[in-house]
Structure formats: C-alpha cells, structure tokens
Amino acid sequence: MADQKTIKRKTFECSGKLKQVMADHFLELDRASQSGDSKIAWCSSVGPAELLRGMGFLVYYPENHGAMLGASRMAADVIPYANAEGYSPDICSYLTSDIGAFLQEKTPLTKAYNISAVPRPDVLVFNTNQCRDVKDWFAWYSRHFNVPLVGVHTYREIGEIGYDQIKEIAKQIEDLIPDLEAAGGAKFDMDRFKEAVGLSKKTSQLWRACLETASAVPSPWTFFDATIHMAPAVVARGTQAGVDYYEILLKELKGRIKGGIAAIEGEKHRLYWEGMPIWGKLRALSEQLSGLKACVVASTYCNTWIYEQLDSAKPFESMAQAYTELFIVRDEAYKEQYIQECHDLYQFDGIIFHDAKTCPNNSNNRYGMPERLRGNTGVPALIINGDLNDLRCYSEEQTKTNIEAFIEQLEEGMV
C-alpha cells in the first residue's frame, strides 16, 4: 500500500486579492441588475467576451456559476428540478444544476456575497466551440426573460485550421454587432474593443506563465490550486483587474520556486489531469493525492483560458483564431500531440483521465487515447468515473481505492 498521510494545504498570500476580484465582479453585476445603469450580457465561458467588454456590457458567465454550484455541492439538490422541466439527466450538469437552481431561486452567490439572485440578462451570447449544450442552456433563459439570443457556431473535430475557417468565424463575430448594439443601446467602438482584446492577451500570457511554473521540480502549486486561481482568467478577461491579479500570482509562484517551497512536500510523483474537475470533490482529491506525495502539475482544463493568439491589431480574426484553436475543438491526433508536448514540459509520470458522465466533449478517454499515449510516451493512465457537478455519478470509495492502487503501481513500476 502506498504511504499516505495528511499534508497541510499551503495557502497563497494573494488569496485575499483573489476574493476581492471575484467579489467586485459579482457585486458590480448585482448593482447593475438592480439599478439598470449598465447593460448585462451573459456569455459562454469561451465566448466573445472581448467584443462584449468593448461594447460596454458587464459580462456574466453562467458556467462559472455552474462550477460554484458544483463546488458548493448545491448541484445534486437542484438538478432534479431541471430534469422535471424536460432536461435529461444525461446532458451537461452545469446546465441542469444552473437551471434547477434558478427554478428554486437558489444561488451560492447568496452565501458568498449576500446576493439573492443571478443578474438579469439584456442579451445572451454563446459560442458552440465547447458543445451544443451552451446554446440550449442559454435558449432556456432567452425564452424565460424574453431577451435576444445570439452566438457563434464553431467547427468541430478540427485538425489543421485553415484561413477560410478563421475568416468565416471572424465574420460571425463581427455580425453580432448590430444585435448587440440594439440590446445595449450603444454604438460599437473599435478603440474600446481593441483595448479589451489587448487586456485579454496580457491576461492570457500571464496565466500561461503562472501555469508553467509547475514545470519546476518540485512544483510550487497543483492543478487543484489552479482551478481556484483561474477564476479571474474566466470572469475578468478584457479588464485590467485580470492583468493585475496574475502579475501578483506569478510573482508569488516565482518566489515559491526561488525559495524551494513545494506544493507537495517530498513530491514523489507528478501527474496530469485530463478532463473536467470534479468540483464537489476537489478538496478530497487534493488531500488524498497530497497524502500520497503525488502532485497534479498540469491539465488541459486550466489551459482552456490561454488565448495568446489575440491581437488588437486584427481583433476579429485573432479572436476567431483563439476560440477555434481550443483543445476541445480539435481532432484526436492534435489532442494526443498536445498532451505529449505537455509531458515534455512538465515531466509527469502518470495521467488521470476523468470520464465525466454528462460531459462527453471533455472526456477524452473513450476512443483509445490513453492506450495510444501509453504507446507513444510510456506514461500510464488511470480512468476515474464521475462528473463535473452530479456527484450521483461518482463513487468516492472506488475512486480512492483506484488512486491508491495506481500510485502504488507507479512506485513499483508495474504500470
């Protein structure tokens, strides 16, 4: 049996700043929703946020709210209400938990910020680069609030991306402007748009630099830390607040490396997390792996919010490129090569694939990828079954036993 003991989680000095960034984000939305002083756009997490910022909208991300529902473990209680509305328990549990919570007039924002409800949208904007669920999810709210629904339809299963594809997506983004002007009551301002694109690029560059500090041995932080600290990369894209936060976080991470401060004392194993987080079990998984002296140093999930292709000199085309080159949109060959390149950088000795019941688009273990990667890199994989929000799909004891066995096999060179 692999040696396991409780290891105290290291806290970040910048955690207070993180909490302030998130509080400012939600409280500003709540004030605008109450007063009507600013227009609010709901946006899918990998949607055209820079365009919305550039047109003066405050931006709210339902997927961020979905993750909060999962992390607070409210999801299981509210999902059945969306099921009763006709939404299958097999579809995205972000969608079902969010709609279920809305129907029950519940939100984790109440406990966190004393906010009674999510902000009312003036327009809903999606991008199908993640999945079709975001469009159907937003369509429910569009019908409920009787507000416009607009979006971008992205290619799927792409290998090499061609100029014509980028050009077509760029046109879709640009074609959103008349509807957004009508919903927001303000004319499009190219300079403001370019500024938002430039700030998003800076945020992305800093976020990548933060993530890549985990290539140090030992790593100064873990995947579980990154899932928390990535929040501004999602909600503060296109703002100075995002840039400012990651400058602070990066300085702290570099200080940890310089001071020899490891996220996992006595780090013995370096792992890669493939797939969605299991939001309601982040702490339990973090503590178990820490106790086994295993550090999850990298993931495809946290890298989703790196958009270094953004260029304020060509904002529409660079946005199209950034949001079309996402890992989730690409074909199997690209994904495998991507993970191999991550292995070269982070030098992990095992991969944990999360097979998320309600998120097939982010479950990459189903078509032989773990076996092919093992053949190409020699890195073994463990597949755990679960879900991003619906913990009814997750067996804690089975997962705990499987992780213990996997680490033991890594130590004995049996996998």
Protein backbone atom coordinates (compact mmCIF):
# COMPACT_ATOMS: atom_id res chain seq x y z
CA MET A 1 0.00 0.00 0.00
CA ALA A 2 1.33 3.43 -0.96
CA ASP A 3 2.32 5.58 2.02
CA GLN A 4 -0.42 8.10 2.75
CA LYS A 5 -0.67 10.82 5.35
CA THR A 6 -2.45 14.11 5.72
CA ILE A 7 -0.43 17.02 4.35
CA LYS A 8 -1.50 20.54 5.24
CA ARG A 9 -2.54 22.56 2.19
CA LYS A 10 -0.31 25.58 1.57
CA THR A 11 -2.20 28.84 1.36
CA PHE A 12 -1.46 31.68 -1.05
CA GLU A 13 -0.69 35.19 0.11
CA CYS A 14 -2.71 36.55 -2.82
CA SER A 15 -5.90 34.66 -1.83
CA GLY A 16 -7.32 37.84 -0.32
CA LYS A 17 -6.81 39.66 -3.62
CA LEU A 18 -8.49 36.79 -5.48
CA LYS A 19 -11.53 37.02 -3.22
CA GLN A 20 -11.70 40.77 -3.80
CA VAL A 21 -11.55 40.40 -7.60
CA MET A 22 -14.41 37.90 -7.53
CA ALA A 23 -16.47 39.95 -5.06
CA ASP A 24 -16.04 43.07 -7.19
CA HIS A 25 -17.15 41.12 -10.27
CA PHE A 26 -20.37 39.76 -8.78
CA LEU A 27 -21.29 42.85 -6.75
CA GLU A 28 -20.93 45.08 -9.81
CA LEU A 29 -23.26 42.77 -11.74
CA ASP A 30 -25.76 42.73 -8.89
CA ARG A 31 -25.81 46.54 -8.63
CA ALA A 32 -26.33 46.86 -12.38
CA SER A 33 -29.08 44.26 -12.33
CA GLN A 34 -30.87 46.16 -9.56
CA SER A 35 -30.41 49.66 -10.98
CA GLY A 36 -30.36 49.10 -14.74
CA ASP A 37 -27.48 51.56 -15.02
CA SER A 38 -25.39 49.16 -17.12
CA LYS A 39 -26.37 46.53 -19.65
CA ILE A 40 -25.54 42.89 -18.84
CA ALA A 41 -24.55 40.21 -21.33
CA TRP A 42 -24.47 36.55 -20.40
CA CYS A 43 -21.58 34.86 -22.20
CA SER A 44 -20.41 31.28 -22.52
CA SER A 45 -17.01 30.89 -20.88
CA VAL A 46 -15.16 30.66 -24.19
CA GLY A 47 -17.38 33.14 -25.97
CA PRO A 48 -16.63 36.57 -27.50
CA ALA A 49 -16.19 38.35 -24.16
CA GLU A 50 -13.78 40.92 -25.59
CA LEU A 51 -16.43 42.17 -28.03
CA LEU A 52 -18.94 42.46 -25.19
CA ARG A 53 -16.48 44.34 -22.98
CA GLY A 54 -15.62 46.58 -25.88
CA MET A 55 -19.30 47.44 -26.33
CA GLY A 56 -19.73 48.44 -22.71
CA PHE A 57 -21.54 45.36 -21.39
CA LEU A 58 -20.90 43.89 -17.98
CA VAL A 59 -20.31 40.20 -18.59
CA TYR A 60 -21.74 37.30 -16.58
CA TYR A 61 -20.65 33.68 -17.12
CA PRO A 62 -23.26 31.00 -16.30
CA GLU A 63 -20.60 28.26 -16.50
CA ASN A 64 -18.73 29.97 -13.68
CA HIS A 65 -21.97 29.90 -11.70
CA GLY A 66 -22.34 26.22 -12.61
CA ALA A 67 -18.90 25.48 -11.19
CA MET A 68 -19.86 27.31 -7.99
CA LEU A 69 -22.97 25.15 -7.73
CA GLY A 70 -20.78 22.08 -8.06
CA ALA A 71 -18.11 23.23 -5.61
CA SER A 72 -20.73 24.21 -3.02
CA ARG A 73 -22.47 20.82 -3.53
CA MET A 74 -25.78 22.51 -4.18
CA ALA A 75 -25.99 20.86 -7.60
CA ALA A 76 -27.41 17.47 -6.59
CA ASP A 77 -30.34 19.12 -4.79
CA VAL A 78 -31.40 21.29 -7.74
CA ILE A 79 -30.65 19.14 -10.81
CA PRO A 80 -33.95 17.21 -10.47
CA TYR A 81 -35.93 20.43 -10.99
CA ALA A 82 -34.33 20.91 -14.41
CA ASN A 83 -34.99 17.23 -15.15
CA ALA A 84 -38.67 17.86 -14.36
CA GLU A 85 -38.56 20.73 -16.87
CA GLY A 86 -37.63 18.17 -19.54
CA TYR A 87 -33.83 18.38 -19.47
CA SER A 88 -32.26 14.93 -19.44
CA PRO A 89 -30.02 13.85 -16.53
CA ASP A 90 -27.53 12.75 -19.19
CA ILE A 91 -26.82 16.25 -20.53
CA CYS A 92 -24.41 18.85 -19.10
CA SER A 93 -24.81 19.07 -15.33
CA TYR A 94 -23.71 22.71 -15.44
CA LEU A 95 -26.87 23.30 -17.47
CA THR A 96 -29.19 21.22 -15.29
CA SER A 97 -27.81 22.48 -11.98
CA ASP A 98 -27.94 26.11 -13.13
CA ILE A 99 -31.50 25.95 -14.47
CA GLY A 100 -32.60 23.88 -11.49
CA ALA A 101 -31.11 26.42 -9.08
CA PHE A 102 -32.83 29.26 -10.93
CA LEU A 103 -36.18 27.49 -10.74
CA GLN A 104 -35.68 27.05 -7.00
CA GLU A 105 -34.45 30.64 -6.57
CA LYS A 106 -31.18 29.43 -5.08
CA THR A 107 -27.61 30.50 -5.73
CA PRO A 108 -24.24 30.10 -3.97
CA LEU A 109 -23.85 33.86 -4.50
CA THR A 110 -26.13 34.37 -1.50
CA LYS A 111 -23.77 32.77 0.98
CA ALA A 112 -20.65 34.18 -0.68
CA TYR A 113 -21.73 37.78 -1.35
CA ASN A 114 -25.25 38.21 0.07
CA ILE A 115 -26.61 38.33 -3.49
CA SER A 116 -30.12 36.92 -3.77
CA ALA A 117 -30.21 36.07 -7.49
CA VAL A 118 -28.12 35.91 -10.63
CA PRO A 119 -28.15 39.14 -12.70
CA ARG A 120 -30.89 39.64 -15.25
CA PRO A 121 -29.53 39.49 -18.83
CA ASP A 122 -30.15 42.02 -21.57
CA VAL A 123 -28.69 39.62 -24.16
CA LEU A 124 -27.27 36.09 -24.15
CA VAL A 125 -24.21 35.28 -26.27
CA PHE A 126 -22.89 31.76 -26.85
CA ASN A 127 -20.12 30.02 -28.74
CA THR A 128 -20.60 26.33 -29.61
CA ASN A 129 -16.83 25.68 -29.52
CA GLN A 130 -17.40 23.79 -26.26
CA CYS A 131 -20.62 21.95 -27.08
CA ARG A 132 -24.21 22.44 -28.25
CA ASP A 133 -25.39 22.46 -24.62
CA VAL A 134 -24.42 26.11 -24.09
CA LYS A 135 -26.79 27.20 -26.87
CA ASP A 136 -29.69 25.14 -25.50
CA TRP A 137 -28.88 26.32 -21.97
CA PHE A 138 -28.93 29.99 -22.98
CA ALA A 139 -32.04 29.44 -25.11
CA TRP A 140 -33.99 28.50 -21.97
CA TYR A 141 -33.11 31.83 -20.36
CA SER A 142 -33.79 33.69 -23.60
CA ARG A 143 -37.33 32.34 -23.58
CA HIS A 144 -37.75 32.97 -19.86
CA PHE A 145 -36.54 36.58 -19.89
CA ASN A 146 -37.70 37.33 -23.45
CA VAL A 147 -34.30 38.73 -24.41
CA PRO A 148 -32.20 38.16 -27.55
CA LEU A 149 -30.02 35.07 -28.03
CA VAL A 150 -27.09 35.40 -30.44
CA GLY A 151 -23.94 33.40 -30.95
CA VAL A 152 -21.13 31.84 -32.90
CA HIS A 153 -21.21 28.35 -34.39
CA THR A 154 -17.72 26.86 -34.39
CA TYR A 155 -16.30 23.97 -36.39
CA ARG A 156 -15.69 20.73 -34.50
CA GLU A 157 -13.09 17.94 -34.68
CA ILE A 158 -10.60 20.16 -36.48
CA GLY A 159 -7.10 19.08 -37.40
CA GLU A 160 -5.17 21.80 -39.19
CA ILE A 161 -7.13 25.05 -39.15
CA GLY A 162 -7.33 26.89 -42.44
CA TYR A 163 -7.62 30.57 -43.29
CA ASP A 164 -11.15 30.16 -44.65
CA GLN A 165 -12.32 28.72 -41.33
CA ILE A 166 -10.84 31.62 -39.37
CA LYS A 167 -12.30 34.13 -41.82
CA GLU A 168 -15.78 32.61 -41.50
CA ILE A 169 -15.73 32.60 -37.67
CA ALA A 170 -14.42 36.18 -37.66
CA LYS A 171 -17.36 37.24 -39.82
CA GLN A 172 -19.78 35.54 -37.42
CA ILE A 173 -18.28 37.53 -34.53
CA GLU A 174 -18.45 40.79 -36.45
CA ASP A 175 -22.04 40.07 -37.49
CA LEU A 176 -23.05 40.06 -33.81
CA ILE A 177 -22.53 43.82 -33.60
CA PRO A 178 -25.95 45.06 -34.86
CA ASP A 179 -27.84 42.82 -32.42
CA LEU A 180 -25.54 43.81 -29.57
CA GLU A 181 -25.95 47.49 -30.39
CA ALA A 182 -29.72 47.04 -30.28
CA ALA A 183 -29.55 45.16 -26.96
CA GLY A 184 -27.05 47.52 -25.35
CA GLY A 185 -28.17 50.82 -26.76
CA ALA A 186 -24.60 51.89 -27.55
CA LYS A 187 -22.68 52.07 -30.81
CA PHE A 188 -19.71 49.82 -31.43
CA ASP A 189 -16.39 51.48 -30.52
CA MET A 190 -13.40 49.92 -32.27
CA ASP A 191 -10.84 51.51 -29.96
CA ARG A 192 -12.60 50.19 -26.86
CA PHE A 193 -12.84 46.76 -28.46
CA LYS A 194 -9.14 46.69 -29.29
CA GLU A 195 -8.30 47.70 -25.74
CA ALA A 196 -10.31 44.75 -24.37
CA VAL A 197 -8.56 42.37 -26.78
CA GLY A 198 -5.16 43.68 -25.67
CA LEU A 199 -6.02 43.23 -21.99
CA SER A 200 -7.25 39.68 -22.63
CA LYS A 201 -3.99 38.85 -24.37
CA LYS A 202 -1.97 40.15 -21.40
CA THR A 203 -4.13 38.15 -19.00
CA SER A 204 -3.61 35.02 -21.11
CA GLN A 205 0.14 35.46 -21.28
CA LEU A 206 0.36 35.89 -17.52
CA TRP A 207 -1.94 32.93 -16.88
CA ARG A 208 0.23 30.71 -19.09
CA ALA A 209 3.32 31.85 -17.23
CA CYS A 210 1.62 31.01 -13.92
CA LEU A 211 0.64 27.53 -15.12
CA GLU A 212 4.10 26.82 -16.49
CA THR A 213 5.74 27.45 -13.15
CA ALA A 214 4.52 23.93 -12.36
CA SER A 215 7.25 22.63 -14.68
CA ALA A 216 9.66 23.35 -11.81
CA VAL A 217 10.65 20.36 -9.67
CA PRO A 218 9.16 20.37 -7.12
CA SER A 219 6.10 22.23 -8.37
CA PRO A 220 5.09 25.39 -6.47
CA TRP A 221 1.38 24.62 -6.93
CA THR A 222 -1.09 21.99 -8.08
CA PHE A 223 -3.95 21.60 -10.53
CA PHE A 224 -6.33 21.95 -7.58
CA ASP A 225 -4.82 25.34 -6.73
CA ALA A 226 -5.07 26.39 -10.37
CA THR A 227 -8.78 25.55 -10.63
CA ILE A 228 -9.38 28.16 -7.93
CA HIS A 229 -6.94 30.80 -9.17
CA MET A 230 -8.11 30.55 -12.79
CA ALA A 231 -11.40 32.33 -11.92
CA PRO A 232 -10.17 35.81 -12.98
CA ALA A 233 -8.94 34.33 -16.29
CA VAL A 234 -12.58 33.48 -16.93
CA VAL A 235 -14.54 36.41 -15.49
CA ALA A 236 -12.01 39.25 -15.76
CA ARG A 237 -10.88 38.76 -19.36
CA GLY A 238 -10.67 42.06 -21.16
CA THR A 239 -10.16 44.05 -17.95
CA GLN A 240 -7.19 45.50 -16.10
CA ALA A 241 -8.25 43.55 -13.00
CA GLY A 242 -7.30 40.27 -14.69
CA VAL A 243 -3.87 41.56 -15.66
CA ASP A 244 -3.21 42.95 -12.20
CA TYR A 245 -4.18 39.75 -10.42
CA TYR A 246 -1.95 37.45 -12.46
CA GLU A 247 1.03 39.74 -12.08
CA ILE A 248 0.65 39.26 -8.32
CA LEU A 249 0.10 35.49 -8.53
CA LEU A 250 3.05 34.98 -10.88
CA LYS A 251 5.36 36.90 -8.56
CA GLU A 252 4.28 34.69 -5.65
CA LEU A 253 4.77 31.47 -7.63
CA LYS A 254 8.22 32.54 -8.75
CA GLY A 255 9.02 33.37 -5.14
CA ARG A 256 8.00 29.87 -4.12
CA ILE A 257 10.32 28.36 -6.72
CA LYS A 258 13.21 30.57 -5.65
CA GLY A 259 12.61 29.72 -2.01
CA GLY A 260 12.32 26.00 -2.70
CA ILE A 261 8.73 25.92 -1.46
CA ALA A 262 6.94 22.85 -2.81
CA ALA A 263 3.18 22.49 -3.09
CA ILE A 264 3.64 18.86 -2.01
CA GLU A 265 6.45 18.31 0.44
CA GLY A 266 8.54 15.33 -0.60
CA GLU A 267 6.97 15.32 -4.09
CA LYS A 268 7.41 11.79 -5.47
CA HIS A 269 5.00 11.61 -8.39
CA ARG A 270 3.95 14.17 -10.99
CA LEU A 271 0.55 13.68 -12.61
CA TYR A 272 -1.52 15.19 -15.42
CA TRP A 273 -5.29 15.73 -15.08
CA GLU A 274 -7.23 15.22 -18.30
CA GLY A 275 -10.85 16.33 -18.35
CA MET A 276 -13.16 18.40 -16.19
CA PRO A 277 -12.66 18.91 -12.46
CA ILE A 278 -14.98 17.07 -10.09
CA TRP A 279 -15.99 20.29 -8.41
CA GLY A 280 -17.61 18.84 -5.32
CA LYS A 281 -14.59 16.64 -4.58
CA LEU A 282 -11.66 18.97 -5.22
CA ARG A 283 -10.61 19.09 -1.58
CA ALA A 284 -10.94 15.33 -1.03
CA LEU A 285 -8.94 14.51 -4.17
CA SER A 286 -6.33 17.15 -3.38
CA GLU A 287 -5.85 15.84 0.13
CA GLN A 288 -5.65 12.22 -0.97
CA LEU A 289 -3.07 12.87 -3.68
CA SER A 290 -1.09 15.17 -1.40
CA GLY A 291 -1.02 12.42 1.21
CA LEU A 292 0.41 10.09 -1.43
CA LYS A 293 3.02 12.75 -2.30
CA ALA A 294 1.58 12.98 -5.79
CA CYS A 295 1.34 16.43 -7.37
CA VAL A 296 -1.02 17.09 -10.27
CA VAL A 297 1.18 19.54 -12.12
CA ALA A 298 -0.80 20.22 -15.28
CA SER A 299 -4.15 19.82 -17.02
CA THR A 300 -5.85 20.50 -20.31
CA TYR A 301 -8.75 22.14 -18.43
CA CYS A 302 -6.85 25.08 -16.91
CA ASN A 303 -5.11 25.74 -20.23
CA THR A 304 -8.50 26.45 -21.80
CA TRP A 305 -8.15 30.13 -20.84
CA ILE A 306 -4.91 30.81 -22.70
CA TYR A 307 -5.60 32.96 -25.76
CA GLU A 308 -2.21 34.23 -26.82
CA GLN A 309 -3.36 34.40 -30.44
CA LEU A 310 -5.31 37.56 -29.58
CA ASP A 311 -4.00 40.64 -31.38
CA SER A 312 -5.50 44.11 -31.02
CA ALA A 313 -4.21 44.96 -34.50
CA LYS A 314 -6.60 42.39 -36.00
CA PRO A 315 -9.19 41.84 -33.28
CA PHE A 316 -11.87 39.89 -35.16
CA GLU A 317 -9.51 37.48 -36.91
CA SER A 318 -7.39 36.88 -33.81
CA MET A 319 -10.47 36.22 -31.67
CA ALA A 320 -11.69 33.74 -34.26
CA GLN A 321 -8.31 32.02 -34.22
CA ALA A 322 -8.05 31.94 -30.43
CA TYR A 323 -11.51 30.48 -29.92
CA THR A 324 -11.16 27.99 -32.79
CA GLU A 325 -7.77 26.58 -31.78
CA LEU A 326 -9.08 25.34 -28.42
CA PHE A 327 -8.15 21.83 -27.33
CA ILE A 328 -11.80 20.78 -27.06
CA VAL A 329 -12.48 21.70 -30.69
CA ARG A 330 -9.60 19.70 -32.16
CA ASP A 331 -9.30 16.16 -33.52
CA GLU A 332 -7.76 13.19 -31.71
CA ALA A 333 -4.36 13.50 -33.40
CA TYR A 334 -3.99 17.11 -32.30
CA LYS A 335 -5.08 16.32 -28.74
CA GLU A 336 -2.58 13.49 -28.40
CA GLN A 337 0.25 15.64 -29.72
CA TYR A 338 -0.76 18.41 -27.32
CA ILE A 339 -0.59 16.11 -24.30
CA GLN A 340 2.75 14.74 -25.45
CA GLU A 341 4.12 18.29 -25.60
CA CYS A 342 2.77 18.89 -22.10
CA HIS A 343 4.63 15.76 -20.99
CA ASP A 344 7.86 17.15 -22.43
CA LEU A 345 7.38 20.36 -20.42
CA TYR A 346 6.02 19.07 -17.12
CA GLN A 347 7.64 15.61 -16.99
CA PHE A 348 4.69 13.84 -15.39
CA ASP A 349 4.81 10.10 -14.81
CA GLY A 350 1.06 9.37 -14.87
CA ILE A 351 -2.21 10.68 -16.31
CA ILE A 352 -5.60 10.72 -14.62
CA PHE A 353 -8.45 10.77 -17.15
CA HIS A 354 -11.76 11.93 -15.73
CA ASP A 355 -14.64 10.33 -17.62
CA ALA A 356 -17.40 12.84 -16.84
CA LYS A 357 -20.83 11.27 -17.24
CA THR A 358 -22.59 14.41 -18.51
CA CYS A 359 -19.65 15.98 -20.39
CA PRO A 360 -18.64 13.75 -23.31
CA ASN A 361 -16.95 16.66 -25.08
CA ASN A 362 -14.44 16.95 -22.25
CA SER A 363 -13.98 13.20 -21.69
CA ASN A 364 -11.11 12.11 -23.91
CA ASN A 365 -10.60 8.57 -22.68
CA ARG A 366 -13.44 6.98 -24.64
CA TYR A 367 -11.80 6.38 -28.01
CA GLY A 368 -8.48 4.79 -27.14
CA MET A 369 -6.43 7.88 -26.34
CA PRO A 370 -4.96 6.58 -23.03
CA GLU A 371 -3.64 3.48 -24.76
CA ARG A 372 -2.18 5.41 -27.68
CA LEU A 373 -0.47 7.88 -25.35
CA ARG A 374 0.95 4.99 -23.34
CA GLY A 375 2.40 3.57 -26.55
CA ASN A 376 3.91 6.89 -27.62
CA THR A 377 5.17 8.19 -24.27
CA GLY A 378 5.28 5.22 -21.93
CA VAL A 379 3.11 7.18 -19.47
CA PRO A 380 0.39 5.05 -17.80
CA ALA A 381 -3.13 6.29 -17.21
CA LEU A 382 -5.88 5.85 -14.65
CA ILE A 383 -9.50 6.43 -15.66
CA ILE A 384 -11.88 7.58 -12.94
CA ASN A 385 -15.62 7.81 -13.47
CA GLY A 386 -17.51 10.81 -12.19
CA ASP A 387 -19.00 14.10 -13.27
CA LEU A 388 -18.30 17.80 -13.08
CA ASN A 389 -21.36 18.54 -10.89
CA ASP A 390 -23.57 15.49 -10.45
CA LEU A 391 -21.98 13.55 -7.59
CA ARG A 392 -24.52 10.77 -8.01
CA CYS A 393 -22.21 9.65 -10.84
CA TYR A 394 -19.21 9.45 -8.54
CA SER A 395 -18.11 6.70 -6.15
CA GLU A 396 -15.76 8.16 -3.58
CA GLU A 397 -14.61 4.83 -2.17
CA GLN A 398 -14.00 3.28 -5.58
CA THR A 399 -12.07 6.35 -6.75
CA LYS A 400 -10.00 6.46 -3.57
CA THR A 401 -9.09 2.78 -3.92
CA ASN A 402 -8.23 3.14 -7.60
CA ILE A 403 -5.98 6.14 -6.98
CA GLU A 404 -4.17 4.34 -4.15
CA ALA A 405 -3.60 1.31 -6.39
CA PHE A 406 -2.39 3.49 -9.28
CA ILE A 407 0.17 5.32 -7.13
CA GLU A 408 1.33 2.03 -5.64
CA GLN A 409 1.83 0.63 -9.14
CA LEU A 410 3.74 3.75 -10.17
CA GLU A 411 6.05 3.27 -7.22
CA GLU A 412 6.63 -0.37 -8.06
CA GLY A 413 6.98 0.28 -11.80
CA MET A 414 4.08 -2.05 -12.52
CA VAL A 415 2.18 0.20 -14.93
